Amino acid sequence: MNYENALKHKVFKAIGKTADGRGERAFVIGGYVRDLIIGRPSNDIDVVTEGKGIDLAKAVAKELGIKHVNVFKTYGTAMFNYGNLEIEFVGARKESYARESRKPIVEDGTLEDDQNRRDFTINAMALSLNSKNYGELIDPFNGLRDIDLGVIRTPLDPDITFSDDPLRMMRAVRFATQLGFTIVPESLDALKRNAERLDIISMERIHTELNKIILTQKPGKGFKILANTGLLARFFPEMVALQGAEKRDGIGHKDNFFHTLQVLENVCAKSDDLWLRWSAIMHDIAKPPTKRFDKKNGWTFHGHEDKGARMVPVIFSRLKLPMDAKMKFVQKLVLLHLRPIALTKEIVTDSAIRRLLNEAGDDIDALMILCRADITSKNEAKVSRYLKNYDIVVKKLKEVEGNDSVRNFQPPVTGEMIMNTFGIPPSRPIGDIKKAIKEAILEGDIKNDPDEAFDLMLTLGAEMGLKRV
């Protein structure tokens, strides 16, 4: 099969012309070819040559008038950008592995050697760029067939493929999730047999693949495969612990693993934000350690939001996820995710709304997306009732914020103002006065107004025996 018409871009012609002039064979290979056939947009082009990849890259750059080429001598690769394309060159190679490492012993090889070392059949296809067979598809493992079948399959023995480089197991799940494909039974079984091999992979590489799964349209599929193959247990046992629905004295609770996946996909339908999606994953993470049963109340998970918030930095640290504002965002949403739900079950007071606004701050909209997503009951009437109540809460949030401006607010009276007014040094009364003023604003006793706050400060000071200087 020939794809000459699909390779009309100037850059492909330049690569082919340069390779011909050097007497080398050159090919587009891997993900770009796969996406070209599937019809997915892709700007990342991998070029393999039966020569020196760095030398070909420099020669092609010269042909195209590109002055800067990034060279990575250690890996024998080079890359440059051309328009919106990122093009990487490497020499064809063959690899062998030591069991304790995913770093291969690399030798120069042929296109056939290079295709043999690829992870999946759909990523092993190549298109020739040489003039004599420009656009010809070289597909030794029937990747085209597997695209038509919608399956993920390894070119060689899956046990060897996954054991050699265990990160390929995460990639198998990622591609199955991204493309909506199915992992063939023999490869799926090999994932289970080799799951413990994932332990030699760095958490940075694991979380990179995991985040790509989370950013798909339907990440639940990926998490189910990770759980069923034993891969998830190697790096995220807390999520595995969510699995299972227990019944006692005729009273059962839902499977919190599948509930979490439903919440995650509900969030995905509303937002592409990775960290909001992580909040969905983590929102009930502490239900297993807080699970209790008694005949009066049935199953309870009291305090799971607080314990879950404390688990967030522990899990993020282990997974080598960022320990910055992103982690704090997830932690905040886990801690607060029950607050709006509680407001739907009672008369919504302005005070409760002010406190929620103050604690959630600029993340209130994200919190409401998570809370709406958390409604996964099969009882349509119950879902409808909760959503209508949420509409009331959202309306109230807007009204209170418009009137009182309490989102992220700090009391209008500062510690310095208190010290100057009463002529006192830094001391406990300053904190007590600030706290009392903040509570008064949140309760609606005074407005979030400097004059009203100052008057209350004078009253509070007088009650403490302080005199204005």
Protein backbone atom coordinates (compact mmCIF):
# COMPACT_ATOMS: atom_id res chain seq x y z
CA MET A 1 0.00 0.00 0.00
CA ASN A 2 1.32 3.46 -0.92
CA TYR A 3 0.71 6.63 1.07
CA GLU A 4 2.53 9.05 -1.26
CA ASN A 5 -0.42 11.46 -1.27
CA ALA A 6 -0.36 11.64 2.52
CA LEU A 7 3.31 12.70 2.53
CA LYS A 8 3.04 15.86 0.47
CA HIS A 9 4.57 18.11 3.10
CA LYS A 10 7.82 19.74 2.00
CA VAL A 11 9.72 18.29 4.93
CA PHE A 12 9.16 14.67 3.84
CA LYS A 13 10.43 15.41 0.33
CA ALA A 14 13.49 17.12 1.81
CA ILE A 15 14.27 14.11 4.00
CA GLY A 16 13.88 11.73 1.09
CA LYS A 17 16.01 13.86 -1.24
CA THR A 18 18.77 14.20 1.36
CA ALA A 19 18.74 10.49 2.19
CA ASP A 20 18.95 9.60 -1.52
CA GLY A 21 21.94 11.90 -1.89
CA ARG A 22 23.67 10.17 1.01
CA GLY A 23 22.85 6.69 -0.29
CA GLU A 24 20.77 5.88 2.79
CA ARG A 25 17.30 4.52 3.34
CA ALA A 26 15.05 6.72 5.50
CA PHE A 27 11.56 6.16 6.87
CA VAL A 28 8.82 7.82 8.88
CA ILE A 29 8.02 5.33 11.61
CA GLY A 30 5.87 4.73 14.67
CA GLY A 31 3.19 7.00 16.07
CA TYR A 32 3.01 9.44 13.18
CA VAL A 33 2.31 6.61 10.73
CA ARG A 34 -0.28 5.09 13.06
CA ASP A 35 -2.08 8.42 13.52
CA LEU A 36 -1.90 9.17 9.80
CA ILE A 37 -3.75 5.92 9.06
CA ILE A 38 -6.26 6.35 11.90
CA GLY A 39 -6.86 9.99 10.99
CA ARG A 40 -5.65 11.51 14.27
CA PRO A 41 -3.77 14.82 14.07
CA SER A 42 -0.08 14.53 14.97
CA ASN A 43 2.84 16.95 14.79
CA ASP A 44 5.53 14.60 16.15
CA ILE A 45 7.49 12.89 13.40
CA ASP A 46 10.01 10.12 14.05
CA VAL A 47 12.47 9.43 11.24
CA VAL A 48 14.69 6.36 11.24
CA THR A 49 17.59 5.93 8.85
CA GLU A 50 19.92 3.05 8.08
CA GLY A 51 22.76 5.46 8.70
CA LYS A 52 23.62 8.05 11.33
CA GLY A 53 20.52 9.87 12.56
CA ILE A 54 22.45 12.95 13.75
CA ASP A 55 24.23 13.35 10.42
CA LEU A 56 21.00 13.03 8.44
CA ALA A 57 19.27 15.56 10.71
CA LYS A 58 22.00 18.13 10.15
CA ALA A 59 21.94 17.56 6.38
CA VAL A 60 18.14 17.88 6.18
CA ALA A 61 18.23 21.02 8.34
CA LYS A 62 20.72 22.55 5.93
CA GLU A 63 18.47 21.63 2.99
CA LEU A 64 15.52 23.36 4.70
CA GLY A 65 17.52 26.40 5.86
CA ILE A 66 17.14 25.53 9.54
CA LYS A 67 20.02 26.86 11.64
CA HIS A 68 19.45 25.15 15.00
CA VAL A 69 19.47 21.37 15.52
CA ASN A 70 19.23 19.80 18.98
CA VAL A 71 21.74 16.97 19.17
CA PHE A 72 21.69 14.22 21.81
CA LYS A 73 24.93 12.33 21.26
CA THR A 74 24.35 9.93 24.15
CA TYR A 75 21.24 8.59 22.42
CA GLY A 76 22.39 9.08 18.84
CA THR A 77 19.40 11.30 18.10
CA ALA A 78 18.80 14.82 16.85
CA MET A 79 15.70 16.93 16.37
CA PHE A 80 14.51 20.26 15.04
CA ASN A 81 11.24 22.11 14.62
CA TYR A 82 9.88 23.00 11.21
CA GLY A 83 6.75 25.10 11.38
CA ASN A 84 4.46 23.28 13.82
CA LEU A 85 6.24 19.96 13.27
CA GLU A 86 8.74 18.43 15.67
CA ILE A 87 11.00 16.03 13.78
CA GLU A 88 13.37 13.60 15.47
CA PHE A 89 16.02 11.54 13.66
CA VAL A 90 17.66 8.33 14.83
CA GLY A 91 19.69 5.58 13.26
CA ALA A 92 18.04 2.16 12.92
CA ARG A 93 19.10 -0.02 15.83
CA LYS A 94 18.66 -3.32 17.55
CA GLU A 95 18.44 -3.72 21.29
CA SER A 96 19.05 -6.25 24.03
CA TYR A 97 18.20 -5.94 27.71
CA ALA A 98 19.56 -6.96 31.11
CA ARG A 99 16.76 -8.14 33.41
CA GLU A 100 17.44 -5.60 36.16
CA SER A 101 17.24 -2.58 33.84
CA ARG A 102 15.03 -1.13 31.10
CA LYS A 103 18.07 0.55 29.55
CA PRO A 104 18.95 -1.46 26.46
CA ILE A 105 22.30 -2.38 24.98
CA VAL A 106 22.06 -0.67 21.59
CA GLU A 107 23.76 -1.58 18.32
CA ASP A 108 23.42 -0.25 14.79
CA GLY A 109 20.85 -2.21 12.83
CA THR A 110 18.50 -2.36 9.89
CA LEU A 111 14.91 -1.17 9.50
CA GLU A 112 13.85 -4.75 10.26
CA ASP A 113 15.84 -4.71 13.52
CA ASP A 114 14.25 -1.38 14.44
CA GLN A 115 10.73 -2.60 13.78
CA ASN A 116 11.39 -5.76 15.82
CA ARG A 117 12.17 -3.67 18.92
CA ARG A 118 8.93 -1.64 18.72
CA ASP A 119 6.31 -2.00 21.44
CA PHE A 120 3.15 -2.69 19.42
CA THR A 121 2.27 -3.71 15.88
CA ILE A 122 0.42 -0.43 15.31
CA ASN A 123 3.61 1.45 16.24
CA ALA A 124 5.94 -0.68 14.10
CA MET A 125 4.74 0.53 10.70
CA ALA A 126 7.05 2.62 8.51
CA LEU A 127 6.66 4.70 5.36
CA SER A 128 9.57 4.95 2.93
CA LEU A 129 10.83 8.45 2.08
CA ASN A 130 13.28 7.43 -0.66
CA SER A 131 12.29 8.40 -4.18
CA LYS A 132 12.22 4.88 -5.65
CA ASN A 133 9.42 3.74 -3.29
CA TYR A 134 8.21 6.98 -1.74
CA GLY A 135 5.18 6.46 0.54
CA GLU A 136 5.39 2.65 0.52
CA LEU A 137 4.10 1.07 3.75
CA ILE A 138 6.44 -1.43 5.38
CA ASP A 139 4.25 -3.38 7.80
CA PRO A 140 5.89 -6.68 8.82
CA PHE A 141 3.58 -7.33 11.78
CA ASN A 142 0.23 -6.47 10.20
CA GLY A 143 -0.26 -3.25 12.13
CA LEU A 144 -2.73 -2.11 9.48
CA ARG A 145 -4.85 -5.18 10.18
CA ASP A 146 -4.72 -4.50 13.92
CA ILE A 147 -5.86 -0.90 13.38
CA ASP A 148 -8.84 -2.26 11.44
CA LEU A 149 -9.50 -4.76 14.25
CA GLY A 150 -8.98 -2.10 16.92
CA VAL A 151 -6.50 -4.18 18.94
CA ILE A 152 -3.24 -3.67 20.81
CA ARG A 153 -0.77 -6.48 20.12
CA THR A 154 2.99 -6.81 20.60
CA PRO A 155 5.09 -7.60 17.50
CA LEU A 156 7.01 -10.38 19.27
CA ASP A 157 6.40 -12.52 22.37
CA PRO A 158 4.54 -10.19 24.79
CA ASP A 159 6.34 -11.63 27.83
CA ILE A 160 9.68 -10.65 26.32
CA THR A 161 8.38 -7.27 25.11
CA PHE A 162 7.00 -6.33 28.54
CA SER A 163 9.80 -7.84 30.60
CA ASP A 164 12.47 -6.07 28.52
CA ASP A 165 10.86 -2.67 29.02
CA PRO A 166 8.03 -2.79 31.61
CA LEU A 167 6.95 0.76 30.81
CA ARG A 168 5.43 -0.76 27.67
CA MET A 169 2.74 -2.25 29.92
CA MET A 170 1.59 1.24 30.91
CA ARG A 171 1.78 2.28 27.26
CA ALA A 172 -0.41 -0.67 26.27
CA VAL A 173 -3.10 0.51 28.67
CA ARG A 174 -2.67 4.11 27.55
CA PHE A 175 -3.06 3.32 23.84
CA ALA A 176 -6.04 1.06 24.50
CA THR A 177 -7.68 3.92 26.41
CA GLN A 178 -6.74 6.73 24.02
CA LEU A 179 -7.72 4.86 20.86
CA GLY A 180 -10.64 2.87 22.25
CA PHE A 181 -8.84 -0.35 21.30
CA THR A 182 -8.80 -3.76 23.01
CA ILE A 183 -5.63 -5.46 24.26
CA VAL A 184 -5.51 -8.96 22.73
CA PRO A 185 -5.85 -11.82 25.27
CA GLU A 186 -2.25 -13.06 24.97
CA SER A 187 -0.89 -9.54 25.62
CA LEU A 188 -3.41 -8.95 28.42
CA ASP A 189 -2.33 -12.19 30.13
CA ALA A 190 1.30 -11.12 29.77
CA LEU A 191 0.47 -7.86 31.58
CA LYS A 192 -0.74 -9.90 34.54
CA ARG A 193 2.31 -12.19 34.50
CA ASN A 194 4.75 -9.30 34.31
CA ALA A 195 3.04 -6.73 36.54
CA GLU A 196 5.75 -6.89 39.21
CA ARG A 197 8.36 -5.93 36.59
CA LEU A 198 6.87 -2.43 36.73
CA ASP A 199 8.77 -1.98 40.00
CA ILE A 200 12.01 -1.21 38.11
CA ILE A 201 10.38 1.79 36.37
CA SER A 202 10.73 5.25 37.87
CA MET A 203 7.59 6.86 39.28
CA GLU A 204 8.16 9.85 36.99
CA ARG A 205 7.74 7.64 33.93
CA ILE A 206 4.79 5.80 35.45
CA HIS A 207 2.91 8.97 36.36
CA THR A 208 3.58 10.42 32.89
CA GLU A 209 1.73 7.49 31.32
CA LEU A 210 -0.93 7.55 34.04
CA ASN A 211 -1.62 11.24 33.43
CA LYS A 212 -2.04 10.55 29.72
CA ILE A 213 -4.64 7.92 30.61
CA ILE A 214 -6.40 10.36 32.95
CA LEU A 215 -6.50 12.99 30.18
CA THR A 216 -8.38 10.70 27.77
CA GLN A 217 -12.12 11.06 27.19
CA LYS A 218 -12.93 7.80 29.02
CA PRO A 219 -10.13 7.12 31.52
CA GLY A 220 -12.27 4.62 33.43
CA LYS A 221 -11.41 1.98 30.85
CA GLY A 222 -7.71 2.41 31.53
CA PHE A 223 -8.10 2.21 35.30
CA LYS A 224 -10.13 -1.00 34.99
CA ILE A 225 -7.37 -2.61 32.91
CA LEU A 226 -4.71 -1.38 35.35
CA ALA A 227 -6.67 -2.85 38.27
CA ASN A 228 -7.55 -6.16 36.60
CA THR A 229 -3.96 -6.82 35.50
CA GLY A 230 -2.39 -6.02 38.88
CA LEU A 231 -0.50 -3.02 37.51
CA LEU A 232 -2.40 -0.47 39.60
CA ALA A 233 -1.47 -2.26 42.81
CA ARG A 234 2.23 -1.76 42.04
CA PHE A 235 2.04 2.02 42.37
CA PHE A 236 -1.43 3.07 43.63
CA PRO A 237 -2.62 0.49 46.19
CA GLU A 238 -4.92 3.04 47.86
CA MET A 239 -7.09 3.10 44.74
CA VAL A 240 -7.14 -0.69 44.53
CA ALA A 241 -8.40 -0.72 48.13
CA LEU A 242 -11.56 1.07 46.97
CA GLN A 243 -12.68 -2.09 45.16
CA GLY A 244 -15.48 -4.24 46.48
CA ALA A 245 -19.00 -3.85 47.82
CA GLU A 246 -19.56 -5.38 51.24
CA LYS A 247 -22.90 -6.48 52.68
CA ARG A 248 -23.72 -7.05 56.35
CA ASP A 249 -27.09 -7.70 58.00
CA GLY A 250 -28.70 -7.10 54.65
CA ILE A 251 -27.14 -3.64 54.36
CA GLY A 252 -24.63 -3.02 51.58
CA HIS A 253 -22.49 -0.17 50.31
CA LYS A 254 -21.54 0.65 46.74
CA ASP A 255 -18.24 -0.33 45.16
CA ASN A 256 -16.23 2.85 45.68
CA PHE A 257 -13.74 1.98 42.92
CA PHE A 258 -16.43 1.99 40.24
CA HIS A 259 -18.11 5.00 41.86
CA THR A 260 -14.78 6.88 41.65
CA LEU A 261 -14.41 6.01 37.98
CA GLN A 262 -17.95 7.28 37.31
CA VAL A 263 -17.21 10.53 39.14
CA LEU A 264 -13.96 10.86 37.15
CA GLU A 265 -15.75 10.44 33.82
CA ASN A 266 -18.49 12.86 34.91
CA VAL A 267 -15.75 15.43 35.57
CA CYS A 268 -14.13 14.61 32.22
CA ALA A 269 -17.38 15.54 30.48
CA LYS A 270 -17.12 19.03 32.00
CA SER A 271 -13.40 19.79 32.24
CA ASP A 272 -10.03 18.96 30.66
CA ASP A 273 -8.18 20.09 33.79
CA LEU A 274 -5.81 17.30 34.86
CA TRP A 275 -5.79 18.30 38.52
CA LEU A 276 -9.56 18.55 38.76
CA ARG A 277 -9.62 15.02 37.36
CA TRP A 278 -7.09 13.99 40.01
CA SER A 279 -9.45 15.49 42.61
CA ALA A 280 -12.17 13.14 41.36
CA ILE A 281 -9.78 10.19 41.66
CA MET A 282 -8.84 11.16 45.20
CA HIS A 283 -12.15 12.42 46.59
CA ASP A 284 -13.09 9.13 48.30
CA ILE A 285 -9.59 7.69 48.65
CA ALA A 286 -9.91 7.46 52.45
CA LYS A 287 -13.18 5.53 52.49
CA PRO A 288 -11.49 2.13 53.07
CA PRO A 289 -9.62 3.19 56.23
CA THR A 290 -12.65 5.09 57.61
CA LYS A 291 -15.25 2.40 56.85
CA ARG A 292 -17.32 1.35 59.87
CA PHE A 293 -20.54 -0.63 60.38
CA ASP A 294 -23.13 -0.61 63.12
CA LYS A 295 -26.72 -1.78 63.11
CA LYS A 296 -28.11 1.67 63.83
CA ASN A 297 -26.33 3.65 61.10
CA GLY A 298 -25.24 0.92 58.69
CA TRP A 299 -22.06 1.68 56.76
CA THR A 300 -20.36 4.98 57.51
CA PHE A 301 -17.20 6.68 56.30
CA HIS A 302 -17.01 9.51 58.82
CA GLY A 303 -14.10 11.88 58.33
CA HIS A 304 -13.02 10.41 55.01
CA GLU A 305 -12.76 13.91 53.51
CA ASP A 306 -10.34 15.02 56.23
CA LYS A 307 -8.25 11.85 56.18
CA GLY A 308 -8.34 11.88 52.37
CA ALA A 309 -6.93 15.41 52.33
CA ARG A 310 -4.09 14.24 54.55
CA MET A 311 -3.44 11.27 52.23
CA VAL A 312 -3.12 13.48 49.14
CA PRO A 313 0.45 14.76 49.78
CA VAL A 314 1.59 11.24 50.78
CA ILE A 315 0.32 9.74 47.53
CA PHE A 316 1.52 12.66 45.40
CA SER A 317 4.98 12.39 46.96
CA ARG A 318 5.22 8.66 46.28
CA LEU A 319 4.04 9.06 42.68
CA LYS A 320 6.48 11.97 42.20
CA LEU A 321 3.60 14.24 41.23
CA PRO A 322 4.12 17.99 41.79
CA MET A 323 4.12 18.99 45.46
CA ASP A 324 3.14 22.57 44.71
CA ALA A 325 -0.08 24.51 44.17
CA LYS A 326 -1.44 21.63 42.06
CA MET A 327 -1.25 19.25 45.00
CA LYS A 328 -2.75 21.91 47.30
CA PHE A 329 -5.64 22.33 44.85
CA VAL A 330 -6.40 18.59 44.90
CA GLN A 331 -6.06 18.52 48.69
CA LYS A 332 -8.48 21.43 49.09
CA LEU A 333 -11.14 19.87 46.85
CA VAL A 334 -10.88 16.51 48.64
CA LEU A 335 -11.28 18.27 52.00
CA LEU A 336 -14.28 20.36 50.87
CA HIS A 337 -16.08 17.93 48.55
CA LEU A 338 -18.83 17.13 51.07
CA ARG A 339 -19.54 20.73 52.03
CA PRO A 340 -21.81 21.69 49.11
CA ILE A 341 -23.58 18.32 49.40
CA ALA A 342 -24.36 19.12 53.03
CA LEU A 343 -25.80 22.46 51.96
CA THR A 344 -28.29 20.72 49.66
CA LYS A 345 -29.74 18.80 52.61
CA GLU A 346 -30.69 21.77 54.75
CA ILE A 347 -31.90 25.34 54.50
CA VAL A 348 -29.02 27.20 52.91
CA THR A 349 -27.95 30.04 55.18
CA ASP A 350 -25.91 33.01 54.04
CA SER A 351 -23.41 32.20 56.79
CA ALA A 352 -22.78 28.68 55.45
CA ILE A 353 -22.39 30.07 51.94
CA ARG A 354 -19.91 32.74 53.12
CA ARG A 355 -17.80 30.12 54.88
CA LEU A 356 -17.73 27.87 51.82
CA LEU A 357 -16.79 30.79 49.58
CA ASN A 358 -14.07 31.86 51.94
CA GLU A 359 -12.53 28.39 52.21
CA ALA A 360 -12.86 27.44 48.53
CA GLY A 361 -11.79 30.84 47.21
CA ASP A 362 -11.13 30.90 43.47
CA ASP A 363 -11.57 27.11 43.33
CA ILE A 364 -15.29 27.25 44.12
CA ASP A 365 -16.31 26.62 40.49
CA ALA A 366 -14.04 23.56 40.27
CA LEU A 367 -15.44 22.31 43.57
CA MET A 368 -19.00 22.58 42.27
CA ILE A 369 -18.06 20.60 39.14
CA LEU A 370 -16.64 17.85 41.36
CA CYS A 371 -19.70 17.87 43.63
CA ARG A 372 -22.14 17.60 40.74
CA ALA A 373 -20.03 14.78 39.30
CA ASP A 374 -20.25 12.98 42.66
CA ILE A 375 -23.97 12.32 42.15
CA THR A 376 -23.90 8.79 40.68
CA SER A 377 -27.11 7.28 42.04
CA LYS A 378 -29.16 5.07 39.72
CA ASN A 379 -32.25 6.68 41.24
CA GLU A 380 -33.08 9.35 38.66
CA ALA A 381 -35.46 11.17 40.98
CA LYS A 382 -32.75 11.41 43.63
CA VAL A 383 -30.22 12.71 41.10
CA SER A 384 -32.69 15.28 39.80
CA ARG A 385 -33.46 16.45 43.35
CA TYR A 386 -29.80 16.88 44.23
CA LEU A 387 -29.03 18.74 41.01
CA LYS A 388 -31.93 21.15 41.62
CA ASN A 389 -30.63 21.75 45.13
CA TYR A 390 -27.18 22.44 43.70
CA ASP A 391 -28.74 25.02 41.40
CA ILE A 392 -30.07 26.77 44.50
CA VAL A 393 -26.64 26.65 46.13
CA VAL A 394 -24.95 28.04 43.01
CA LYS A 395 -27.51 30.86 42.81
CA LYS A 396 -26.92 31.63 46.49
CA LEU A 397 -23.15 31.58 45.98
CA LYS A 398 -23.46 34.25 43.31
CA GLU A 399 -25.79 36.39 45.42
CA VAL A 400 -23.64 36.26 48.55
CA GLU A 401 -20.42 36.85 46.64
CA GLY A 402 -22.00 39.83 44.89
CA ASN A 403 -23.14 41.34 48.18
CA ASP A 404 -20.30 40.50 50.54
CA SER A 405 -17.17 39.80 48.44
CA VAL A 406 -15.93 37.11 50.85
CA ARG A 407 -14.08 34.92 48.36
CA ASN A 408 -10.44 34.77 49.53
CA PHE A 409 -11.11 37.75 51.81
CA GLN A 410 -8.94 38.80 54.72
CA PRO A 411 -10.41 40.92 57.56
CA PRO A 412 -10.25 44.62 56.59
CA VAL A 413 -8.57 45.35 59.94
CA THR A 414 -4.89 44.38 60.01
CA GLY A 415 -2.70 43.48 62.96
CA GLU A 416 -0.72 46.68 62.44
CA MET A 417 -3.92 48.75 62.64
CA ILE A 418 -4.84 47.08 65.95
CA MET A 419 -1.38 47.70 67.43
CA ASN A 420 -1.37 51.36 66.34
CA THR A 421 -4.93 51.97 67.56
CA PHE A 422 -4.40 50.55 71.03
CA GLY A 423 -0.66 51.12 71.36
CA ILE A 424 0.09 47.47 72.10
CA PRO A 425 2.96 45.20 70.93
CA PRO A 426 2.49 41.93 69.00
CA SER A 427 0.37 39.80 71.32
CA ARG A 428 -2.54 37.35 71.54
CA PRO A 429 -5.34 39.97 71.64
CA ILE A 430 -4.43 41.00 68.08
CA GLY A 431 -5.19 37.51 66.74
CA ASP A 432 -8.32 37.24 68.84
CA ILE A 433 -9.67 40.54 67.48
CA LYS A 434 -8.91 39.60 63.86
CA LYS A 435 -10.57 36.20 64.30
CA ALA A 436 -13.66 37.75 65.90
CA ILE A 437 -14.02 40.27 63.07
CA LYS A 438 -13.69 37.52 60.45
CA GLU A 439 -16.35 35.43 62.23
CA ALA A 440 -18.66 38.44 62.42
CA ILE A 441 -18.37 38.98 58.67
CA LEU A 442 -18.91 35.29 57.88
CA GLU A 443 -21.94 35.18 60.18
CA GLY A 444 -23.34 38.31 58.55
CA ASP A 445 -23.28 40.33 61.78
CA ILE A 446 -21.34 43.05 59.95
CA LYS A 447 -20.58 43.63 56.29
CA ASN A 448 -17.13 43.08 54.77
CA ASP A 449 -16.58 46.82 55.13
CA PRO A 450 -13.54 48.68 56.63
CA ASP A 451 -15.64 51.14 58.64
CA GLU A 452 -17.88 48.48 60.18
CA ALA A 453 -14.88 46.29 60.91
CA PHE A 454 -13.04 49.23 62.55
CA ASP A 455 -16.01 50.01 64.79
CA LEU A 456 -16.21 46.37 65.87
CA MET A 457 -12.46 46.41 66.56
CA LEU A 458 -12.96 49.34 68.97
CA THR A 459 -15.79 47.51 70.72
CA LEU A 460 -13.82 44.30 71.05
CA GLY A 461 -10.77 46.19 72.29
CA ALA A 462 -12.80 47.94 74.95
CA GLU A 463 -14.22 44.61 76.12
CA MET A 464 -10.62 43.40 76.54
CA GLY A 465 -9.71 46.48 78.57
CA LEU A 466 -7.72 48.09 75.73
CA LYS A 467 -7.78 51.87 75.34
CA ARG A 468 -7.48 53.79 72.09
CA VAL A 469 -4.34 55.95 71.98
